[in-house]
Amino acid sequence: MNTKKLVHLAMLTSLGLALHIVEGFIPNPFIGIAPGAKLGLANIIGLITLVIYGIKYALAVNLLRSFIAGIATGAVTSMMYSMAGALISTLLMWIVYKMFNKYFSLVGVSVFGALGHNVAQLTVAALIINNPRIYVYLPIMMLASIFTGIFIGITANFTLSKAKIHLER
C-alpha cells in the first residue's frame, strides 16, 4: 500500500470516528418511536470508503473506527454492537453494490446497510440478554433504518460527487 492511500484511509477512519463521537451528542431523532436509534453518521464514511477503495478497506475503516470509539469512550458493550453492525452492514452493502448495482443506487445500498446494521445489533443484544424476544423490536428499527439509510446514501452521493472533482485533478 502506498503512503497516499494509507493517509487517505487514516483520514477516513478519523472522520468516521469524529462523526461517531459527534453523533453521541445529537438527540435521538426517533425518540418515542425507536429508542436507541441513531442516524449512523459514521456510515457515510464507510459507504464512501467502499465506493473508492473496496470491501477490504471499507471493513478496515469501519471496524477500526468502531474499535477505537469503544476504547476511547470505555463503552465496551457498545463496541460489540458497533463492530457487529459495522461488519454485517459493510458486507451487505458490498454485496448489493457489486451484484445488484443495476437495481439499486447508492441510496439503496445504504438502506440495505442500515437494515443489516440493525439486524446485527439486535442479534448481539439477543445473545447478551439470552432472549430472542428482542426481535419484536426489529420492525420498528427497520422502519427507522429506511429513513436513516436514505439520508446516509444521499449524503454519501453528494460527498462523492464533490470528492471526485478533487480526486480527478
N, C-alpha and C. Protein backbone atom coordinates (compact mmCIF):
# COMPACT_ATOMS: atom_id res chain seq x y z
N MET A 1 0.85 -1.17 0.00
CA MET A 1 0.00 0.00 0.00
C MET A 1 0.90 1.24 0.00
N ASN A 2 0.57 2.20 -0.87
CA ASN A 2 1.39 3.40 -0.92
C ASN A 2 1.00 4.38 0.19
N THR A 3 1.87 5.34 0.42
CA THR A 3 1.68 6.29 1.52
C THR A 3 0.44 7.13 1.34
N LYS A 4 0.17 7.56 0.11
CA LYS A 4 -1.01 8.39 -0.16
C LYS A 4 -2.30 7.66 0.22
N LYS A 5 -2.40 6.40 -0.15
CA LYS A 5 -3.57 5.60 0.17
C LYS A 5 -3.69 5.40 1.68
N LEU A 6 -2.59 5.14 2.34
CA LEU A 6 -2.58 4.96 3.79
C LEU A 6 -3.06 6.23 4.50
N VAL A 7 -2.61 7.37 4.02
CA VAL A 7 -3.05 8.65 4.60
C VAL A 7 -4.55 8.85 4.36
N HIS A 8 -5.02 8.56 3.16
CA HIS A 8 -6.46 8.67 2.87
C HIS A 8 -7.28 7.79 3.81
N LEU A 9 -6.84 6.56 3.99
CA LEU A 9 -7.58 5.63 4.85
C LEU A 9 -7.53 6.07 6.31
N ALA A 10 -6.41 6.60 6.74
CA ALA A 10 -6.32 7.11 8.11
C ALA A 10 -7.24 8.31 8.30
N MET A 11 -7.31 9.16 7.28
CA MET A 11 -8.22 10.32 7.36
C MET A 11 -9.67 9.87 7.36
N LEU A 12 -10.00 8.88 6.55
CA LEU A 12 -11.38 8.37 6.53
C LEU A 12 -11.74 7.75 7.88
N THR A 13 -10.82 7.00 8.45
CA THR A 13 -11.06 6.41 9.77
C THR A 13 -11.27 7.50 10.81
N SER A 14 -10.44 8.53 10.77
CA SER A 14 -10.56 9.64 11.71
C SER A 14 -11.88 10.39 11.53
N LEU A 15 -12.29 10.61 10.29
CA LEU A 15 -13.57 11.27 10.03
C LEU A 15 -14.73 10.42 10.54
N GLY A 16 -14.65 9.12 10.29
CA GLY A 16 -15.69 8.22 10.79
C GLY A 16 -15.76 8.25 12.31
N LEU A 17 -14.61 8.27 12.95
CA LEU A 17 -14.55 8.34 14.42
C LEU A 17 -15.13 9.66 14.92
N ALA A 18 -14.78 10.75 14.26
CA ALA A 18 -15.31 12.07 14.65
C ALA A 18 -16.83 12.11 14.51
N LEU A 19 -17.34 11.59 13.40
CA LEU A 19 -18.80 11.58 13.21
C LEU A 19 -19.48 10.69 14.24
N HIS A 20 -18.84 9.57 14.56
CA HIS A 20 -19.36 8.66 15.58
C HIS A 20 -19.48 9.36 16.93
N ILE A 21 -18.46 10.13 17.28
CA ILE A 21 -18.45 10.84 18.56
C ILE A 21 -19.46 12.00 18.54
N VAL A 22 -19.47 12.77 17.46
CA VAL A 22 -20.41 13.90 17.34
C VAL A 22 -21.85 13.40 17.44
N GLU A 23 -22.13 12.28 16.82
CA GLU A 23 -23.49 11.73 16.85
C GLU A 23 -23.96 11.42 18.27
N GLY A 24 -23.02 11.11 19.13
CA GLY A 24 -23.37 10.85 20.53
C GLY A 24 -23.97 12.07 21.23
N PHE A 25 -23.71 13.25 20.70
CA PHE A 25 -24.24 14.48 21.28
C PHE A 25 -25.56 14.93 20.65
N ILE A 26 -25.97 14.24 19.59
CA ILE A 26 -27.21 14.60 18.89
C ILE A 26 -28.36 13.82 19.51
N PRO A 27 -29.43 14.51 19.89
CA PRO A 27 -30.59 13.80 20.45
C PRO A 27 -31.17 12.82 19.43
N ASN A 28 -31.71 11.73 19.93
CA ASN A 28 -32.31 10.70 19.08
C ASN A 28 -33.47 11.32 18.28
N PRO A 29 -33.38 11.30 16.94
CA PRO A 29 -34.46 11.87 16.13
C PRO A 29 -35.73 11.02 16.15
N PHE A 30 -35.62 9.80 16.64
CA PHE A 30 -36.76 8.88 16.66
C PHE A 30 -37.27 8.64 18.08
N ILE A 31 -36.98 9.57 18.97
CA ILE A 31 -37.36 9.39 20.38
C ILE A 31 -38.85 9.09 20.48
N GLY A 32 -39.19 8.14 21.27
CA GLY A 32 -40.59 7.75 21.43
C GLY A 32 -41.02 6.69 20.43
N ILE A 33 -40.40 6.68 19.27
CA ILE A 33 -40.75 5.71 18.23
C ILE A 33 -39.76 4.55 18.24
N ALA A 34 -38.49 4.90 18.23
CA ALA A 34 -37.43 3.89 18.17
C ALA A 34 -36.29 4.28 19.12
N PRO A 35 -36.48 4.05 20.42
CA PRO A 35 -35.41 4.38 21.37
C PRO A 35 -34.12 3.64 21.01
N GLY A 36 -33.02 4.36 21.09
CA GLY A 36 -31.73 3.76 20.76
C GLY A 36 -31.32 3.91 19.31
N ALA A 37 -32.26 4.32 18.46
CA ALA A 37 -31.93 4.50 17.04
C ALA A 37 -31.04 5.72 16.87
N LYS A 38 -30.15 5.65 15.91
CA LYS A 38 -29.24 6.75 15.60
C LYS A 38 -29.27 7.02 14.11
N LEU A 39 -28.75 8.16 13.72
CA LEU A 39 -28.66 8.49 12.30
C LEU A 39 -27.62 7.62 11.59
N GLY A 40 -26.55 7.27 12.28
CA GLY A 40 -25.48 6.47 11.67
C GLY A 40 -24.55 7.31 10.82
N LEU A 41 -24.22 8.50 11.29
CA LEU A 41 -23.40 9.43 10.50
C LEU A 41 -22.07 8.83 10.06
N ALA A 42 -21.46 8.00 10.91
CA ALA A 42 -20.17 7.40 10.56
C ALA A 42 -20.29 6.47 9.35
N ASN A 43 -21.51 6.01 9.08
CA ASN A 43 -21.71 5.12 7.93
C ASN A 43 -21.54 5.86 6.61
N ILE A 44 -21.60 7.18 6.64
CA ILE A 44 -21.30 7.96 5.43
C ILE A 44 -19.87 7.65 5.00
N ILE A 45 -18.98 7.63 5.95
CA ILE A 45 -17.56 7.38 5.66
C ILE A 45 -17.37 5.94 5.21
N GLY A 46 -18.05 5.00 5.83
CA GLY A 46 -17.94 3.60 5.42
C GLY A 46 -18.40 3.39 3.98
N LEU A 47 -19.48 4.04 3.62
CA LEU A 47 -20.00 3.92 2.25
C LEU A 47 -19.06 4.56 1.25
N ILE A 48 -18.53 5.72 1.58
CA ILE A 48 -17.57 6.39 0.70
C ILE A 48 -16.32 5.53 0.52
N THR A 49 -15.84 4.95 1.61
CA THR A 49 -14.65 4.09 1.55
C THR A 49 -14.92 2.87 0.67
N LEU A 50 -16.10 2.30 0.80
CA LEU A 50 -16.48 1.14 -0.01
C LEU A 50 -16.43 1.48 -1.50
N VAL A 51 -16.96 2.62 -1.86
CA VAL A 51 -17.01 3.02 -3.27
C VAL A 51 -15.61 3.32 -3.80
N ILE A 52 -14.81 4.03 -3.03
CA ILE A 52 -13.49 4.45 -3.52
C ILE A 52 -12.45 3.33 -3.44
N TYR A 53 -12.43 2.60 -2.33
CA TYR A 53 -11.34 1.64 -2.09
C TYR A 53 -11.75 0.17 -2.06
N GLY A 54 -13.04 -0.13 -1.97
CA GLY A 54 -13.48 -1.52 -1.98
C GLY A 54 -13.72 -2.10 -0.60
N ILE A 55 -14.11 -3.35 -0.59
CA ILE A 55 -14.57 -4.03 0.62
C ILE A 55 -13.49 -4.17 1.69
N LYS A 56 -12.30 -4.56 1.29
CA LYS A 56 -11.23 -4.80 2.27
C LYS A 56 -10.96 -3.55 3.10
N TYR A 57 -10.85 -2.43 2.45
CA TYR A 57 -10.54 -1.19 3.17
C TYR A 57 -11.77 -0.61 3.87
N ALA A 58 -12.94 -0.83 3.31
CA ALA A 58 -14.17 -0.37 3.99
C ALA A 58 -14.34 -1.13 5.31
N LEU A 59 -14.09 -2.42 5.28
CA LEU A 59 -14.16 -3.21 6.53
C LEU A 59 -13.12 -2.71 7.53
N ALA A 60 -11.91 -2.46 7.05
CA ALA A 60 -10.84 -1.99 7.94
C ALA A 60 -11.22 -0.65 8.58
N VAL A 61 -11.70 0.29 7.77
CA VAL A 61 -12.06 1.62 8.28
C VAL A 61 -13.22 1.51 9.28
N ASN A 62 -14.27 0.77 8.92
CA ASN A 62 -15.44 0.66 9.80
C ASN A 62 -15.14 -0.07 11.10
N LEU A 63 -14.42 -1.17 11.01
CA LEU A 63 -14.12 -1.93 12.23
C LEU A 63 -13.13 -1.20 13.12
N LEU A 64 -12.14 -0.56 12.51
CA LEU A 64 -11.17 0.19 13.30
C LEU A 64 -11.84 1.38 13.98
N ARG A 65 -12.72 2.06 13.26
CA ARG A 65 -13.46 3.19 13.84
C ARG A 65 -14.30 2.72 15.03
N SER A 66 -14.98 1.62 14.88
CA SER A 66 -15.81 1.08 15.98
C SER A 66 -14.96 0.69 17.18
N PHE A 67 -13.83 0.06 16.90
CA PHE A 67 -12.93 -0.37 17.97
C PHE A 67 -12.36 0.83 18.73
N ILE A 68 -11.84 1.80 17.99
CA ILE A 68 -11.26 2.98 18.63
C ILE A 68 -12.31 3.74 19.43
N ALA A 69 -13.51 3.88 18.89
CA ALA A 69 -14.59 4.58 19.61
C ALA A 69 -14.91 3.85 20.91
N GLY A 70 -14.96 2.54 20.86
CA GLY A 70 -15.25 1.76 22.07
C GLY A 70 -14.18 1.90 23.12
N ILE A 71 -12.92 1.87 22.69
CA ILE A 71 -11.80 2.02 23.61
C ILE A 71 -11.76 3.45 24.17
N ALA A 72 -11.96 4.44 23.30
CA ALA A 72 -11.87 5.85 23.72
C ALA A 72 -12.97 6.24 24.70
N THR A 73 -14.15 5.68 24.50
CA THR A 73 -15.28 6.05 25.37
C THR A 73 -15.43 5.10 26.55
N GLY A 74 -14.73 3.98 26.51
CA GLY A 74 -14.83 3.00 27.58
C GLY A 74 -16.11 2.18 27.51
N ALA A 75 -16.82 2.30 26.40
CA ALA A 75 -18.09 1.61 26.24
C ALA A 75 -17.86 0.30 25.48
N VAL A 76 -17.35 -0.70 26.19
CA VAL A 76 -17.01 -1.97 25.56
C VAL A 76 -18.26 -2.68 25.03
N THR A 77 -19.36 -2.61 25.75
CA THR A 77 -20.60 -3.24 25.28
C THR A 77 -21.07 -2.56 24.00
N SER A 78 -21.02 -1.25 23.97
CA SER A 78 -21.39 -0.52 22.75
C SER A 78 -20.48 -0.89 21.60
N MET A 79 -19.21 -1.13 21.91
CA MET A 79 -18.25 -1.52 20.88
C MET A 79 -18.66 -2.84 20.23
N MET A 80 -19.18 -3.77 21.02
CA MET A 80 -19.63 -5.05 20.46
C MET A 80 -20.78 -4.83 19.48
N TYR A 81 -21.74 -3.98 19.86
CA TYR A 81 -22.86 -3.68 18.96
C TYR A 81 -22.36 -2.98 17.70
N SER A 82 -21.49 -2.01 17.90
CA SER A 82 -20.97 -1.23 16.79
C SER A 82 -20.17 -2.08 15.81
N MET A 83 -19.31 -2.94 16.33
CA MET A 83 -18.48 -3.77 15.45
C MET A 83 -19.31 -4.80 14.69
N ALA A 84 -20.30 -5.39 15.36
CA ALA A 84 -21.18 -6.35 14.67
C ALA A 84 -21.96 -5.64 13.58
N GLY A 85 -22.49 -4.46 13.90
CA GLY A 85 -23.23 -3.69 12.91
C GLY A 85 -22.35 -3.27 11.74
N ALA A 86 -21.13 -2.83 12.05
CA ALA A 86 -20.20 -2.40 11.01
C ALA A 86 -19.83 -3.56 10.09
N LEU A 87 -19.57 -4.72 10.66
CA LEU A 87 -19.21 -5.90 9.86
C LEU A 87 -20.34 -6.31 8.92
N ILE A 88 -21.51 -6.52 9.47
CA ILE A 88 -22.63 -7.01 8.66
C ILE A 88 -23.09 -5.96 7.66
N SER A 89 -23.18 -4.71 8.07
CA SER A 89 -23.65 -3.67 7.14
C SER A 89 -22.67 -3.47 6.00
N THR A 90 -21.38 -3.50 6.28
CA THR A 90 -20.38 -3.31 5.23
C THR A 90 -20.42 -4.48 4.24
N LEU A 91 -20.51 -5.69 4.76
CA LEU A 91 -20.60 -6.86 3.86
C LEU A 91 -21.86 -6.81 3.01
N LEU A 92 -22.98 -6.47 3.62
CA LEU A 92 -24.24 -6.40 2.89
C LEU A 92 -24.21 -5.29 1.84
N MET A 93 -23.66 -4.13 2.20
CA MET A 93 -23.57 -3.03 1.23
C MET A 93 -22.69 -3.43 0.05
N TRP A 94 -21.59 -4.13 0.33
CA TRP A 94 -20.70 -4.56 -0.74
C TRP A 94 -21.41 -5.53 -1.69
N ILE A 95 -22.15 -6.48 -1.14
CA ILE A 95 -22.89 -7.44 -1.98
C ILE A 95 -23.89 -6.71 -2.86
N VAL A 96 -24.66 -5.80 -2.29
CA VAL A 96 -25.67 -5.06 -3.07
C VAL A 96 -24.98 -4.15 -4.08
N TYR A 97 -23.91 -3.49 -3.68
CA TYR A 97 -23.18 -2.57 -4.57
C TYR A 97 -22.56 -3.31 -5.75
N LYS A 98 -22.00 -4.48 -5.49
CA LYS A 98 -21.32 -5.24 -6.55
C LYS A 98 -22.29 -6.06 -7.42
N MET A 99 -23.27 -6.70 -6.82
CA MET A 99 -24.10 -7.65 -7.54
C MET A 99 -25.44 -7.09 -8.03
N PHE A 100 -25.91 -6.06 -7.36
CA PHE A 100 -27.25 -5.55 -7.70
C PHE A 100 -27.24 -4.06 -8.03
N ASN A 101 -26.09 -3.57 -8.52
CA ASN A 101 -25.96 -2.14 -8.77
C ASN A 101 -26.84 -1.63 -9.91
N LYS A 102 -27.33 -2.51 -10.75
CA LYS A 102 -28.24 -2.03 -11.80
C LYS A 102 -29.66 -1.89 -11.26
N TYR A 103 -29.91 -2.41 -10.08
CA TYR A 103 -31.23 -2.28 -9.45
C TYR A 103 -31.27 -1.25 -8.33
N PHE A 104 -30.13 -1.04 -7.67
CA PHE A 104 -30.08 -0.16 -6.51
C PHE A 104 -29.01 0.91 -6.66
N SER A 105 -29.39 2.14 -6.39
CA SER A 105 -28.44 3.25 -6.35
C SER A 105 -27.66 3.16 -5.05
N LEU A 106 -26.78 4.12 -4.85
CA LEU A 106 -26.03 4.17 -3.60
C LEU A 106 -26.96 4.39 -2.41
N VAL A 107 -28.07 5.06 -2.64
CA VAL A 107 -29.07 5.25 -1.58
C VAL A 107 -29.66 3.90 -1.18
N GLY A 108 -29.99 3.07 -2.15
CA GLY A 108 -30.50 1.73 -1.87
C GLY A 108 -29.47 0.87 -1.17
N VAL A 109 -28.22 0.98 -1.60
CA VAL A 109 -27.12 0.26 -0.96
C VAL A 109 -27.05 0.65 0.51
N SER A 110 -27.17 1.94 0.77
CA SER A 110 -27.12 2.45 2.14
C SER A 110 -28.28 1.93 2.99
N VAL A 111 -29.47 1.86 2.40
CA VAL A 111 -30.63 1.33 3.13
C VAL A 111 -30.39 -0.12 3.52
N PHE A 112 -29.86 -0.93 2.60
CA PHE A 112 -29.55 -2.32 2.93
C PHE A 112 -28.52 -2.38 4.06
N GLY A 113 -27.53 -1.49 4.02
CA GLY A 113 -26.54 -1.45 5.09
C GLY A 113 -27.17 -1.12 6.43
N ALA A 114 -28.08 -0.15 6.43
CA ALA A 114 -28.75 0.24 7.68
C ALA A 114 -29.60 -0.91 8.22
N LEU A 115 -30.29 -1.60 7.33
CA LEU A 115 -31.10 -2.74 7.76
C LEU A 115 -30.22 -3.84 8.36
N GLY A 116 -29.11 -4.14 7.67
CA GLY A 116 -28.18 -5.15 8.17
C GLY A 116 -27.56 -4.76 9.50
N HIS A 117 -27.28 -3.49 9.65
CA HIS A 117 -26.70 -2.98 10.89
C HIS A 117 -27.63 -3.26 12.07
N ASN A 118 -28.92 -2.99 11.88
CA ASN A 118 -29.88 -3.21 12.97
C ASN A 118 -30.10 -4.69 13.27
N VAL A 119 -30.12 -5.51 12.25
CA VAL A 119 -30.26 -6.96 12.48
C VAL A 119 -29.06 -7.46 13.29
N ALA A 120 -27.86 -7.00 12.91
CA ALA A 120 -26.65 -7.43 13.63
C ALA A 120 -26.68 -6.96 15.08
N GLN A 121 -27.08 -5.72 15.30
CA GLN A 121 -27.09 -5.20 16.67
C GLN A 121 -28.15 -5.91 17.53
N LEU A 122 -29.30 -6.17 16.96
CA LEU A 122 -30.32 -6.90 17.73
C LEU A 122 -29.88 -8.34 18.01
N THR A 123 -29.13 -8.92 17.09
CA THR A 123 -28.61 -10.27 17.31
C THR A 123 -27.63 -10.27 18.49
N VAL A 124 -26.75 -9.28 18.54
CA VAL A 124 -25.83 -9.17 19.66
C VAL A 124 -26.61 -8.98 20.96
N ALA A 125 -27.63 -8.13 20.92
CA ALA A 125 -28.44 -7.89 22.12
C ALA A 125 -29.14 -9.17 22.56
N ALA A 126 -29.70 -9.92 21.60
CA ALA A 126 -30.39 -11.17 21.92
C ALA A 126 -29.43 -12.17 22.57
N LEU A 127 -28.19 -12.20 22.09
CA LEU A 127 -27.19 -13.11 22.67
C LEU A 127 -26.78 -12.65 24.07
N ILE A 128 -26.63 -11.34 24.25
CA ILE A 128 -26.20 -10.83 25.55
C ILE A 128 -27.27 -11.07 26.62
N ILE A 129 -28.52 -10.78 26.27
CA ILE A 129 -29.59 -10.94 27.27
C ILE A 129 -30.20 -12.33 27.24
N ASN A 130 -29.73 -13.15 26.29
CA ASN A 130 -30.19 -14.53 26.15
C ASN A 130 -31.72 -14.60 26.00
N ASN A 131 -32.23 -13.72 25.12
CA ASN A 131 -33.67 -13.68 24.91
C ASN A 131 -33.96 -13.22 23.47
N PRO A 132 -34.44 -14.13 22.64
CA PRO A 132 -34.72 -13.77 21.24
C PRO A 132 -35.97 -12.89 21.08
N ARG A 133 -36.71 -12.68 22.14
CA ARG A 133 -37.91 -11.85 22.03
C ARG A 133 -37.60 -10.39 21.69
N ILE A 134 -36.35 -10.03 21.80
CA ILE A 134 -35.96 -8.66 21.46
C ILE A 134 -36.19 -8.37 19.98
N TYR A 135 -36.28 -9.42 19.17
CA TYR A 135 -36.52 -9.24 17.74
C TYR A 135 -37.90 -8.64 17.45
N VAL A 136 -38.76 -8.58 18.44
CA VAL A 136 -40.06 -7.93 18.26
C VAL A 136 -39.85 -6.44 17.95
N TYR A 137 -38.70 -5.92 18.35
CA TYR A 137 -38.33 -4.53 18.13
C TYR A 137 -37.81 -4.29 16.70
N LEU A 138 -37.52 -5.37 15.97
CA LEU A 138 -36.92 -5.28 14.64
C LEU A 138 -37.74 -4.48 13.63
N PRO A 139 -39.05 -4.68 13.51
CA PRO A 139 -39.81 -3.88 12.52
C PRO A 139 -39.71 -2.37 12.76
N ILE A 140 -39.70 -1.96 14.01
CA ILE A 140 -39.57 -0.54 14.33
C ILE A 140 -38.19 -0.04 13.91
N MET A 141 -37.16 -0.82 14.24
CA MET A 141 -35.80 -0.44 13.87
C MET A 141 -35.62 -0.44 12.35
N MET A 142 -36.27 -1.36 11.66
CA MET A 142 -36.15 -1.40 10.20
C MET A 142 -36.80 -0.18 9.56
N LEU A 143 -37.90 0.26 10.13
CA LEU A 143 -38.55 1.46 9.62
C LEU A 143 -37.63 2.67 9.80
N ALA A 144 -37.02 2.78 10.96
CA ALA A 144 -36.05 3.86 11.19
C ALA A 144 -34.87 3.73 10.23
N SER A 145 -34.45 2.48 9.94
CA SER A 145 -33.33 2.23 9.04
C SER A 145 -33.57 2.76 7.64
N ILE A 146 -34.80 2.67 7.19
CA ILE A 146 -35.12 3.15 5.85
C ILE A 146 -34.83 4.65 5.77
N PHE A 147 -35.29 5.40 6.76
CA PHE A 147 -35.07 6.84 6.76
C PHE A 147 -33.59 7.20 6.93
N THR A 148 -32.92 6.54 7.87
CA THR A 148 -31.50 6.86 8.08
C THR A 148 -30.67 6.41 6.88
N GLY A 149 -31.00 5.26 6.31
CA GLY A 149 -30.28 4.78 5.13
C GLY A 149 -30.41 5.73 3.95
N ILE A 150 -31.60 6.28 3.75
CA ILE A 150 -31.80 7.25 2.68
C ILE A 150 -30.95 8.50 2.92
N PHE A 151 -30.99 9.00 4.15
CA PHE A 151 -30.20 10.18 4.50
C PHE A 151 -28.71 9.94 4.29
N ILE A 152 -28.21 8.81 4.77
CA ILE A 152 -26.78 8.49 4.65
C ILE A 152 -26.40 8.31 3.19
N GLY A 153 -27.25 7.64 2.41
CA GLY A 153 -26.97 7.42 0.99
C GLY A 153 -26.93 8.72 0.20
N ILE A 154 -27.88 9.61 0.46
CA ILE A 154 -27.89 10.91 -0.22
C ILE A 154 -26.65 11.71 0.14
N THR A 155 -26.30 11.70 1.42
CA THR A 155 -25.12 12.44 1.88
C THR A 155 -23.84 11.87 1.26
N ALA A 156 -23.72 10.55 1.21
CA ALA A 156 -22.54 9.91 0.61
C ALA A 156 -22.47 10.22 -0.89
N ASN A 157 -23.61 10.17 -1.58
CA ASN A 157 -23.66 10.52 -3.01
C ASN A 157 -23.16 11.94 -3.24
N PHE A 158 -23.68 12.87 -2.45
CA PHE A 158 -23.28 14.27 -2.58
C PHE A 158 -21.78 14.43 -2.33
N THR A 159 -21.29 13.82 -1.26
CA THR A 159 -19.88 13.92 -0.91
C THR A 159 -19.00 13.32 -2.00
N LEU A 160 -19.39 12.17 -2.51
CA LEU A 160 -18.61 11.53 -3.58
C LEU A 160 -18.60 12.38 -4.85
N SER A 161 -19.72 13.02 -5.16
CA SER A 161 -19.76 13.86 -6.36
C SER A 161 -18.79 15.03 -6.23
N LYS A 162 -18.66 15.57 -5.04
CA LYS A 162 -17.71 16.67 -4.80
C LYS A 162 -16.28 16.15 -4.72
N ALA A 163 -16.08 14.99 -4.13
CA ALA A 163 -14.74 14.42 -3.96
C ALA A 163 -14.16 13.99 -5.29
N LYS A 164 -14.99 13.49 -6.20
CA LYS A 164 -14.48 13.03 -7.49
C LYS A 164 -13.87 14.16 -8.28
N ILE A 165 -14.40 15.35 -8.11
CA ILE A 165 -13.81 16.52 -8.78
C ILE A 165 -12.37 16.68 -8.32
N HIS A 166 -12.14 16.53 -7.00
CA HIS A 166 -10.80 16.71 -6.45
C HIS A 166 -9.91 15.50 -6.71
N LEU A 167 -10.49 14.30 -6.75
CA LEU A 167 -9.70 13.10 -6.99
C LEU A 167 -9.22 13.04 -8.44
N GLU A 168 -10.01 13.63 -9.36
CA GLU A 168 -9.64 13.59 -10.78
C GLU A 168 -8.53 14.60 -11.11
N ARG A 169 -8.38 15.63 -10.29
CA ARG A 169 -7.36 16.67 -10.58
C ARG A 169 -5.99 16.19 -10.29
